[in-house]
N, C-alpha and C. Protein backbone atom coordinates (compact mmCIF):
# COMPACT_ATOMS: atom_id res chain seq x y z
N UNK A 1 85.43 -102.96 -25.77
CA UNK A 1 84.33 -103.09 -26.71
C UNK A 1 83.11 -103.63 -25.98
N UNK A 2 81.99 -103.01 -26.22
CA UNK A 2 80.72 -103.45 -25.65
C UNK A 2 79.76 -103.74 -26.79
N UNK A 3 79.01 -104.83 -26.67
CA UNK A 3 78.00 -105.17 -27.67
C UNK A 3 76.62 -104.92 -27.07
N UNK A 4 75.86 -104.05 -27.75
CA UNK A 4 74.54 -103.63 -27.29
C UNK A 4 73.46 -104.25 -28.17
N UNK A 5 72.40 -104.71 -27.55
CA UNK A 5 71.17 -105.06 -28.26
C UNK A 5 70.18 -103.94 -27.98
N UNK A 6 69.71 -103.30 -29.05
CA UNK A 6 68.78 -102.19 -28.91
C UNK A 6 67.41 -102.67 -29.40
N UNK A 7 66.53 -102.96 -28.46
CA UNK A 7 65.15 -103.35 -28.80
C UNK A 7 64.29 -103.26 -27.55
N UNK A 8 63.02 -103.02 -27.77
CA UNK A 8 62.06 -103.07 -26.67
C UNK A 8 61.11 -104.25 -26.86
N UNK A 9 61.41 -105.12 -27.83
CA UNK A 9 60.55 -106.25 -28.16
C UNK A 9 61.08 -107.54 -27.55
N UNK A 10 60.25 -108.18 -26.75
CA UNK A 10 60.65 -109.40 -26.05
C UNK A 10 61.02 -110.53 -27.01
N UNK A 11 60.24 -110.72 -28.07
CA UNK A 11 60.54 -111.78 -29.03
C UNK A 11 61.89 -111.58 -29.69
N UNK A 12 62.21 -110.33 -30.02
CA UNK A 12 63.52 -110.03 -30.62
C UNK A 12 64.64 -110.31 -29.64
N UNK A 13 64.45 -109.92 -28.38
CA UNK A 13 65.47 -110.22 -27.36
C UNK A 13 65.72 -111.71 -27.27
N UNK A 14 64.64 -112.47 -27.17
CA UNK A 14 64.77 -113.93 -27.05
C UNK A 14 65.46 -114.52 -28.27
N UNK A 15 65.07 -114.07 -29.47
CA UNK A 15 65.66 -114.60 -30.69
C UNK A 15 67.16 -114.30 -30.72
N UNK A 16 67.52 -113.06 -30.46
CA UNK A 16 68.94 -112.67 -30.52
C UNK A 16 69.75 -113.47 -29.51
N UNK A 17 69.28 -113.59 -28.29
CA UNK A 17 70.04 -114.35 -27.29
C UNK A 17 70.15 -115.83 -27.66
N UNK A 18 69.17 -116.37 -28.37
CA UNK A 18 69.22 -117.77 -28.79
C UNK A 18 70.19 -117.99 -29.95
N UNK A 19 70.47 -116.93 -30.74
CA UNK A 19 71.24 -117.11 -31.97
C UNK A 19 72.53 -116.30 -32.05
N UNK A 20 72.77 -115.40 -31.13
CA UNK A 20 73.86 -114.43 -31.26
C UNK A 20 75.24 -115.09 -31.37
N UNK A 21 75.43 -116.21 -30.69
CA UNK A 21 76.76 -116.85 -30.74
C UNK A 21 77.04 -117.43 -32.12
N UNK A 22 76.01 -117.70 -32.91
CA UNK A 22 76.20 -118.17 -34.29
C UNK A 22 76.90 -117.11 -35.13
N UNK A 23 76.85 -115.88 -34.69
CA UNK A 23 77.46 -114.76 -35.40
C UNK A 23 78.76 -114.31 -34.74
N UNK A 24 79.22 -115.07 -33.77
CA UNK A 24 80.47 -114.73 -33.08
C UNK A 24 80.34 -113.54 -32.15
N UNK A 25 79.14 -113.26 -31.70
CA UNK A 25 78.88 -112.10 -30.84
C UNK A 25 78.40 -112.55 -29.47
N UNK A 26 78.55 -111.66 -28.50
CA UNK A 26 78.01 -111.85 -27.16
C UNK A 26 77.43 -110.52 -26.72
N UNK A 27 76.16 -110.50 -26.37
CA UNK A 27 75.49 -109.26 -25.95
C UNK A 27 75.91 -108.92 -24.53
N UNK A 28 76.38 -107.68 -24.33
CA UNK A 28 76.76 -107.20 -23.00
C UNK A 28 75.68 -106.37 -22.33
N UNK A 29 74.93 -105.61 -23.14
CA UNK A 29 73.90 -104.72 -22.59
C UNK A 29 72.69 -104.71 -23.51
N UNK A 30 71.50 -104.70 -22.91
CA UNK A 30 70.24 -104.58 -23.65
C UNK A 30 69.60 -103.26 -23.26
N UNK A 31 69.26 -102.45 -24.27
CA UNK A 31 68.62 -101.15 -24.03
C UNK A 31 67.38 -101.03 -24.90
N UNK A 32 66.31 -100.40 -24.38
CA UNK A 32 65.10 -100.24 -25.19
C UNK A 32 65.26 -99.16 -26.27
N UNK A 33 66.15 -98.21 -26.04
CA UNK A 33 66.38 -97.12 -26.99
C UNK A 33 67.86 -96.80 -27.01
N UNK A 34 68.34 -96.35 -28.15
CA UNK A 34 69.76 -96.04 -28.32
C UNK A 34 70.07 -94.63 -27.85
N UNK A 35 71.12 -94.50 -27.07
CA UNK A 35 71.69 -93.20 -26.71
C UNK A 35 73.10 -93.19 -27.29
N UNK A 36 73.28 -92.63 -28.50
CA UNK A 36 74.59 -92.68 -29.15
C UNK A 36 75.73 -92.09 -28.32
N UNK A 37 75.41 -91.18 -27.40
CA UNK A 37 76.46 -90.55 -26.60
C UNK A 37 77.14 -91.54 -25.65
N UNK A 38 76.53 -92.70 -25.41
CA UNK A 38 77.13 -93.70 -24.51
C UNK A 38 78.04 -94.67 -25.25
N UNK A 39 78.06 -94.61 -26.58
CA UNK A 39 78.83 -95.56 -27.38
C UNK A 39 80.25 -95.07 -27.62
N UNK A 40 81.14 -96.02 -27.84
CA UNK A 40 82.54 -95.70 -28.14
C UNK A 40 82.97 -96.42 -29.41
N UNK A 41 83.96 -95.84 -30.08
CA UNK A 41 84.55 -96.48 -31.26
C UNK A 41 84.89 -97.92 -30.91
N UNK A 42 84.55 -98.86 -31.80
CA UNK A 42 84.82 -100.27 -31.56
C UNK A 42 83.65 -101.03 -30.96
N UNK A 43 82.64 -100.31 -30.45
CA UNK A 43 81.45 -100.98 -29.92
C UNK A 43 80.67 -101.62 -31.06
N UNK A 44 79.76 -102.51 -30.69
CA UNK A 44 78.90 -103.20 -31.65
C UNK A 44 77.45 -102.97 -31.23
N UNK A 45 76.60 -102.67 -32.20
CA UNK A 45 75.18 -102.48 -31.94
C UNK A 45 74.40 -103.49 -32.79
N UNK A 46 73.44 -104.17 -32.16
CA UNK A 46 72.53 -105.09 -32.83
C UNK A 46 71.13 -104.52 -32.66
N UNK A 47 70.37 -104.42 -33.75
CA UNK A 47 69.02 -103.89 -33.63
C UNK A 47 68.33 -103.76 -34.96
N UNK A 48 67.31 -102.90 -34.99
CA UNK A 48 66.57 -102.58 -36.21
C UNK A 48 66.44 -101.06 -36.29
N UNK A 49 67.56 -100.41 -36.43
CA UNK A 49 67.61 -98.95 -36.36
C UNK A 49 67.39 -98.31 -37.73
N UNK A 50 66.90 -97.06 -37.75
CA UNK A 50 66.76 -96.32 -39.00
C UNK A 50 68.12 -96.09 -39.67
N UNK A 51 68.10 -96.03 -40.99
CA UNK A 51 69.33 -95.96 -41.77
C UNK A 51 70.19 -94.74 -41.42
N UNK A 52 69.58 -93.58 -41.13
CA UNK A 52 70.37 -92.39 -40.82
C UNK A 52 71.13 -92.56 -39.51
N UNK A 53 70.55 -93.28 -38.56
CA UNK A 53 71.24 -93.55 -37.30
C UNK A 53 72.37 -94.55 -37.52
N UNK A 54 72.13 -95.55 -38.36
CA UNK A 54 73.19 -96.52 -38.68
C UNK A 54 74.35 -95.81 -39.36
N UNK A 55 74.08 -94.85 -40.23
CA UNK A 55 75.15 -94.08 -40.87
C UNK A 55 75.97 -93.34 -39.82
N UNK A 56 75.32 -92.73 -38.85
CA UNK A 56 76.04 -92.03 -37.78
C UNK A 56 76.90 -93.00 -36.98
N UNK A 57 76.36 -94.19 -36.67
CA UNK A 57 77.14 -95.19 -35.94
C UNK A 57 78.38 -95.59 -36.72
N UNK A 58 78.20 -95.88 -37.99
CA UNK A 58 79.34 -96.30 -38.82
C UNK A 58 80.39 -95.20 -38.90
N UNK A 59 79.95 -93.95 -39.04
CA UNK A 59 80.90 -92.82 -39.06
C UNK A 59 81.69 -92.74 -37.77
N UNK A 60 81.10 -93.19 -36.67
CA UNK A 60 81.76 -93.13 -35.36
C UNK A 60 82.60 -94.37 -35.07
N UNK A 61 82.72 -95.28 -36.05
CA UNK A 61 83.55 -96.47 -35.85
C UNK A 61 82.86 -97.57 -35.07
N UNK A 62 81.54 -97.58 -35.11
CA UNK A 62 80.75 -98.59 -34.41
C UNK A 62 80.22 -99.59 -35.45
N UNK A 63 80.30 -100.87 -35.14
CA UNK A 63 79.83 -101.93 -36.03
C UNK A 63 78.34 -102.15 -35.79
N UNK A 64 77.58 -102.31 -36.89
CA UNK A 64 76.13 -102.48 -36.78
C UNK A 64 75.67 -103.78 -37.42
N UNK A 65 74.91 -104.56 -36.66
CA UNK A 65 74.24 -105.77 -37.16
C UNK A 65 72.74 -105.53 -37.11
N UNK A 66 72.08 -105.77 -38.23
CA UNK A 66 70.63 -105.55 -38.34
C UNK A 66 69.89 -106.87 -38.20
N UNK A 67 68.84 -106.87 -37.40
CA UNK A 67 67.96 -108.03 -37.31
C UNK A 67 67.00 -107.96 -38.49
N UNK A 68 67.28 -108.78 -39.50
CA UNK A 68 66.56 -108.76 -40.76
C UNK A 68 65.49 -109.84 -40.76
N UNK A 69 64.31 -109.51 -41.30
CA UNK A 69 63.19 -110.45 -41.39
C UNK A 69 62.55 -110.35 -42.77
N UNK A 70 61.90 -111.41 -43.19
CA UNK A 70 60.99 -111.37 -44.34
C UNK A 70 59.59 -111.28 -43.75
N UNK A 71 59.21 -110.07 -43.41
CA UNK A 71 57.99 -109.84 -42.63
C UNK A 71 56.81 -109.51 -43.54
N UNK A 72 55.74 -110.32 -43.50
CA UNK A 72 54.56 -109.98 -44.29
C UNK A 72 53.91 -108.70 -43.76
N UNK A 73 53.32 -107.92 -44.67
CA UNK A 73 52.81 -106.62 -44.25
C UNK A 73 51.73 -106.72 -43.17
N UNK A 74 50.98 -107.80 -43.11
CA UNK A 74 49.95 -107.91 -42.08
C UNK A 74 50.53 -108.12 -40.68
N UNK A 75 51.83 -108.42 -40.60
CA UNK A 75 52.49 -108.61 -39.30
C UNK A 75 53.27 -107.37 -38.85
N UNK A 76 53.35 -106.35 -39.71
CA UNK A 76 54.08 -105.13 -39.35
C UNK A 76 53.41 -104.44 -38.17
N UNK A 77 54.24 -103.97 -37.24
CA UNK A 77 53.75 -103.25 -36.08
C UNK A 77 53.23 -104.12 -34.95
N UNK A 78 53.31 -105.45 -35.13
CA UNK A 78 52.84 -106.37 -34.09
C UNK A 78 54.02 -106.93 -33.32
N UNK A 79 53.75 -107.32 -32.08
CA UNK A 79 54.77 -108.04 -31.30
C UNK A 79 54.90 -109.44 -31.88
N UNK A 80 56.13 -109.86 -32.12
CA UNK A 80 56.38 -111.18 -32.70
C UNK A 80 57.06 -112.08 -31.68
N UNK A 81 56.69 -113.34 -31.68
CA UNK A 81 57.33 -114.32 -30.81
C UNK A 81 58.64 -114.78 -31.44
N UNK A 82 59.45 -115.46 -30.65
CA UNK A 82 60.68 -116.03 -31.17
C UNK A 82 60.37 -117.01 -32.31
N UNK A 83 59.31 -117.80 -32.16
CA UNK A 83 58.93 -118.75 -33.22
C UNK A 83 58.53 -118.02 -34.50
N UNK A 84 57.81 -116.92 -34.36
CA UNK A 84 57.44 -116.14 -35.55
C UNK A 84 58.68 -115.56 -36.21
N UNK A 85 59.64 -115.10 -35.42
CA UNK A 85 60.88 -114.58 -36.00
C UNK A 85 61.58 -115.67 -36.80
N UNK A 86 61.61 -116.88 -36.28
CA UNK A 86 62.18 -118.00 -37.05
C UNK A 86 61.38 -118.24 -38.33
N UNK A 87 60.06 -118.21 -38.22
CA UNK A 87 59.18 -118.42 -39.37
C UNK A 87 59.46 -117.37 -40.46
N UNK A 88 59.77 -116.15 -40.05
CA UNK A 88 60.01 -115.06 -41.00
C UNK A 88 61.50 -114.92 -41.34
N UNK A 89 62.24 -116.01 -41.13
CA UNK A 89 63.65 -116.12 -41.54
C UNK A 89 64.54 -115.04 -40.93
N UNK A 90 64.36 -114.80 -39.65
CA UNK A 90 65.19 -113.81 -38.96
C UNK A 90 66.66 -114.21 -39.04
N UNK A 91 67.50 -113.22 -39.23
CA UNK A 91 68.95 -113.41 -39.21
C UNK A 91 69.61 -112.06 -38.99
N UNK A 92 70.86 -112.09 -38.55
CA UNK A 92 71.62 -110.86 -38.38
C UNK A 92 72.47 -110.62 -39.60
N UNK A 93 72.49 -109.37 -40.05
CA UNK A 93 73.33 -108.96 -41.18
C UNK A 93 74.14 -107.75 -40.76
N UNK A 94 75.43 -107.78 -41.07
CA UNK A 94 76.27 -106.62 -40.78
C UNK A 94 76.12 -105.62 -41.91
N UNK A 95 75.93 -104.36 -41.52
CA UNK A 95 75.81 -103.28 -42.50
C UNK A 95 76.84 -102.20 -42.20
N UNK A 96 77.38 -101.64 -43.27
CA UNK A 96 78.21 -100.44 -43.19
C UNK A 96 77.53 -99.40 -44.07
N UNK A 97 77.04 -98.35 -43.45
CA UNK A 97 76.25 -97.33 -44.15
C UNK A 97 77.02 -96.03 -44.16
N UNK A 98 77.06 -95.39 -45.32
CA UNK A 98 77.71 -94.08 -45.48
C UNK A 98 76.70 -93.09 -46.02
N UNK A 99 76.74 -91.89 -45.50
CA UNK A 99 75.86 -90.81 -45.94
C UNK A 99 76.55 -90.05 -47.06
N UNK A 100 75.85 -89.82 -48.16
CA UNK A 100 76.36 -89.01 -49.27
C UNK A 100 75.94 -87.58 -49.04
N UNK A 101 76.88 -86.67 -49.19
CA UNK A 101 76.57 -85.25 -48.99
C UNK A 101 75.93 -84.63 -50.23
N UNK A 102 76.21 -85.21 -51.39
CA UNK A 102 75.74 -84.67 -52.65
C UNK A 102 75.33 -85.84 -53.54
N UNK A 103 74.16 -85.77 -54.10
CA UNK A 103 73.68 -86.87 -54.94
C UNK A 103 74.54 -87.09 -56.17
N UNK A 104 75.32 -86.09 -56.59
CA UNK A 104 76.16 -86.24 -57.78
C UNK A 104 77.46 -86.96 -57.48
N UNK A 105 77.81 -87.16 -56.19
CA UNK A 105 79.05 -87.86 -55.84
C UNK A 105 78.95 -89.32 -56.25
N UNK A 106 80.04 -89.84 -56.82
CA UNK A 106 80.05 -91.24 -57.29
C UNK A 106 80.70 -92.16 -56.27
N UNK A 107 81.81 -91.75 -55.68
CA UNK A 107 82.52 -92.60 -54.71
C UNK A 107 83.07 -91.77 -53.58
């Protein structure tokens, strides 16, 4: 099992490395962009990935932790420091995402 941090943002890298052990995780590799072909069932990905990619990861047996923030709209698209991430209540949340093939499906 390999745990990947997927980000190109320095503040996010610093924040994750400062807090990752609180979540029982240890980052093995940091990549600026995800290449799903390099992942294996049982791997863990930490990042801020689009939902359709997270669904693909979950379908492949990969665990996903999202770096969640309460980000004010005036800060969107800006580089954030580790202190700003703390200010915006950064935390990791595990998500399991499934894609529905038909909107009429219930379960």
